[in-house]
């Protein structure tokens, strides 16, 4: 039964879908957490470049851009987010 609470490991298995473009973004690799306020501030999704020597970068999506967390997917609003520009 859905009770509105998910573990971080459960969230990492859900696919991220951007409703503004109607496309799949990927899966959560990590979270940014404000330890003072004890809240998740953003999610990080791995961004891989097509090169042998490139390092993994992350696309950062603010938590307030999450529209809905469903049973299998997380819907985000990527409007005004440059999802092609990774954060380091």
C-alpha atoms as a PDB file:
ATOM      1  CA  UNK A   1       0.000   0.000   0.000  1.00  0.00           C
ATOM      2  CA  UNK A   2       1.260   3.483  -0.866  1.00  0.00           C
ATOM      3  CA  UNK A   3       1.811   5.594   2.222  1.00  0.00           C
ATOM      4  CA  UNK A   4       3.626   8.553   0.630  1.00  0.00           C
ATOM      5  CA  UNK A   5       7.031   7.621   1.987  1.00  0.00           C
ATOM      6  CA  UNK A   6       9.938   6.101   0.068  1.00  0.00           C
ATOM      7  CA  UNK A   7      13.420   5.066   1.060  1.00  0.00           C
ATOM      8  CA  UNK A   8      16.305   6.701  -0.780  1.00  0.00           C
ATOM      9  CA  UNK A   9      17.244   3.335  -2.275  1.00  0.00           C
ATOM     10  CA  UNK A  10      13.700   2.907  -3.605  1.00  0.00           C
ATOM     11  CA  UNK A  11      13.799   6.366  -5.210  1.00  0.00           C
ATOM     12  CA  UNK A  12      17.075   5.478  -6.956  1.00  0.00           C
ATOM     13  CA  UNK A  13      15.338   2.648  -8.857  1.00  0.00           C
ATOM     14  CA  UNK A  14      12.660   4.933 -10.323  1.00  0.00           C
ATOM     15  CA  UNK A  15      13.102   6.408 -13.785  1.00  0.00           C
ATOM     16  CA  UNK A  16      13.050  10.220 -14.082  1.00  0.00           C
ATOM     17  CA  UNK A  17      10.724  11.603 -16.763  1.00  0.00           C
ATOM     18  CA  UNK A  18      10.656  15.270 -17.802  1.00  0.00           C
ATOM     19  CA  UNK A  19       7.050  16.212 -18.601  1.00  0.00           C
ATOM     20  CA  UNK A  20       8.108  19.410 -20.401  1.00  0.00           C
ATOM     21  CA  UNK A  21       9.787  17.387 -23.181  1.00  0.00           C
ATOM     22  CA  UNK A  22       7.997  14.090 -22.642  1.00  0.00           C
ATOM     23  CA  UNK A  23      11.267  12.194 -22.359  1.00  0.00           C
ATOM     24  CA  UNK A  24      13.266   9.970 -20.081  1.00  0.00           C
ATOM     25  CA  UNK A  25      16.147  11.629 -18.254  1.00  0.00           C
ATOM     26  CA  UNK A  26      17.672   8.708 -16.365  1.00  0.00           C
ATOM     27  CA  UNK A  27      17.912   7.451 -12.805  1.00  0.00           C
ATOM     28  CA  UNK A  28      18.907   9.149  -9.559  1.00  0.00           C
ATOM     29  CA  UNK A  29      22.557   8.577  -8.684  1.00  0.00           C
ATOM     30  CA  UNK A  30      22.782  10.766  -5.616  1.00  0.00           C
ATOM     31  CA  UNK A  31      21.048  13.391  -3.504  1.00  0.00           C
ATOM     32  CA  UNK A  32      22.036  16.758  -2.067  1.00  0.00           C
ATOM     33  CA  UNK A  33      20.801  17.123   1.490  1.00  0.00           C
ATOM     34  CA  UNK A  34      20.640  20.209   3.695  1.00  0.00           C
ATOM     35  CA  UNK A  35      21.719  18.685   7.005  1.00  0.00           C
ATOM     36  CA  UNK A  36      20.725  21.748   9.022  1.00  0.00           C
ATOM     37  CA  UNK A  37      17.109  21.635   7.834  1.00  0.00           C
ATOM     38  CA  UNK A  38      17.139  17.848   7.258  1.00  0.00           C
ATOM     39  CA  UNK A  39      15.649  18.031   3.742  1.00  0.00           C
ATOM     40  CA  UNK A  40      16.652  16.854   0.280  1.00  0.00           C
ATOM     41  CA  UNK A  41      17.468  19.930  -1.826  1.00  0.00           C
ATOM     42  CA  UNK A  42      18.183  18.299  -5.200  1.00  0.00           C
ATOM     43  CA  UNK A  43      18.705  15.055  -7.053  1.00  0.00           C
ATOM     44  CA  UNK A  44      21.737  14.198  -9.154  1.00  0.00           C
ATOM     45  CA  UNK A  45      21.538  12.201 -12.363  1.00  0.00           C
ATOM     46  CA  UNK A  46      24.672  10.797 -14.024  1.00  0.00           C
ATOM     47  CA  UNK A  47      25.678  12.443 -17.290  1.00  0.00           C
ATOM     48  CA  UNK A  48      28.187  10.520 -19.386  1.00  0.00           C
ATOM     49  CA  UNK A  49      30.184  12.008 -22.223  1.00  0.00           C
ATOM     50  CA  UNK A  50      31.185   9.919 -25.192  1.00  0.00           C
ATOM     51  CA  UNK A  51      34.908   9.903 -24.559  1.00  0.00           C
ATOM     52  CA  UNK A  52      37.432   7.462 -23.151  1.00  0.00           C
ATOM     53  CA  UNK A  53      38.984   9.985 -20.779  1.00  0.00           C
ATOM     54  CA  UNK A  54      35.989  11.993 -19.626  1.00  0.00           C
ATOM     55  CA  UNK A  55      34.790  11.820 -16.059  1.00  0.00           C
ATOM     56  CA  UNK A  56      31.215  11.340 -14.955  1.00  0.00           C
ATOM     57  CA  UNK A  57      29.349  14.567 -14.367  1.00  0.00           C
ATOM     58  CA  UNK A  58      25.935  15.044 -12.881  1.00  0.00           C
ATOM     59  CA  UNK A  59      22.815  16.900 -13.887  1.00  0.00           C
ATOM     60  CA  UNK A  60      21.381  18.591 -10.801  1.00  0.00           C
ATOM     61  CA  UNK A  61      17.615  18.904 -10.538  1.00  0.00           C
ATOM     62  CA  UNK A  62      16.204  20.979  -7.649  1.00  0.00           C
ATOM     63  CA  UNK A  63      13.746  19.089  -5.452  1.00  0.00           C
ATOM     64  CA  UNK A  64      11.044  21.706  -6.095  1.00  0.00           C
ATOM     65  CA  UNK A  65      11.039  20.670  -9.791  1.00  0.00           C
ATOM     66  CA  UNK A  66       9.619  17.258  -8.859  1.00  0.00           C
ATOM     67  CA  UNK A  67       5.936  17.168  -9.779  1.00  0.00           C
ATOM     68  CA  UNK A  68       4.979  13.677  -8.676  1.00  0.00           C
ATOM     69  CA  UNK A  69       6.605  10.563  -7.272  1.00  0.00           C
ATOM     70  CA  UNK A  70       4.657   7.573  -8.507  1.00  0.00           C
ATOM     71  CA  UNK A  71       4.985   3.866  -7.972  1.00  0.00           C
ATOM     72  CA  UNK A  72       7.517   3.350 -10.796  1.00  0.00           C
ATOM     73  CA  UNK A  73       8.552   6.817 -12.030  1.00  0.00           C
ATOM     74  CA  UNK A  74       9.349  10.327 -10.872  1.00  0.00           C
ATOM     75  CA  UNK A  75       7.904  13.170 -12.945  1.00  0.00           C
ATOM     76  CA  UNK A  76       9.813  16.440 -13.090  1.00  0.00           C
ATOM     77  CA  UNK A  77       9.184  19.775 -14.753  1.00  0.00           C
ATOM     78  CA  UNK A  78      12.369  20.526 -16.675  1.00  0.00           C
ATOM     79  CA  UNK A  79      11.096  23.904 -17.896  1.00  0.00           C
ATOM     80  CA  UNK A  80      13.811  26.544 -17.478  1.00  0.00           C
ATOM     81  CA  UNK A  81      16.367  23.862 -16.594  1.00  0.00           C
ATOM     82  CA  UNK A  82      19.259  23.323 -18.947  1.00  0.00           C
ATOM     83  CA  UNK A  83      19.380  19.550 -18.565  1.00  0.00           C
ATOM     84  CA  UNK A  84      22.209  19.257 -21.050  1.00  0.00           C
ATOM     85  CA  UNK A  85      24.582  21.230 -18.846  1.00  0.00           C
ATOM     86  CA  UNK A  86      25.969  19.015 -16.071  1.00  0.00           C
ATOM     87  CA  UNK A  87      27.021  20.293 -12.670  1.00  0.00           C
ATOM     88  CA  UNK A  88      30.392  19.189 -11.278  1.00  0.00           C
END
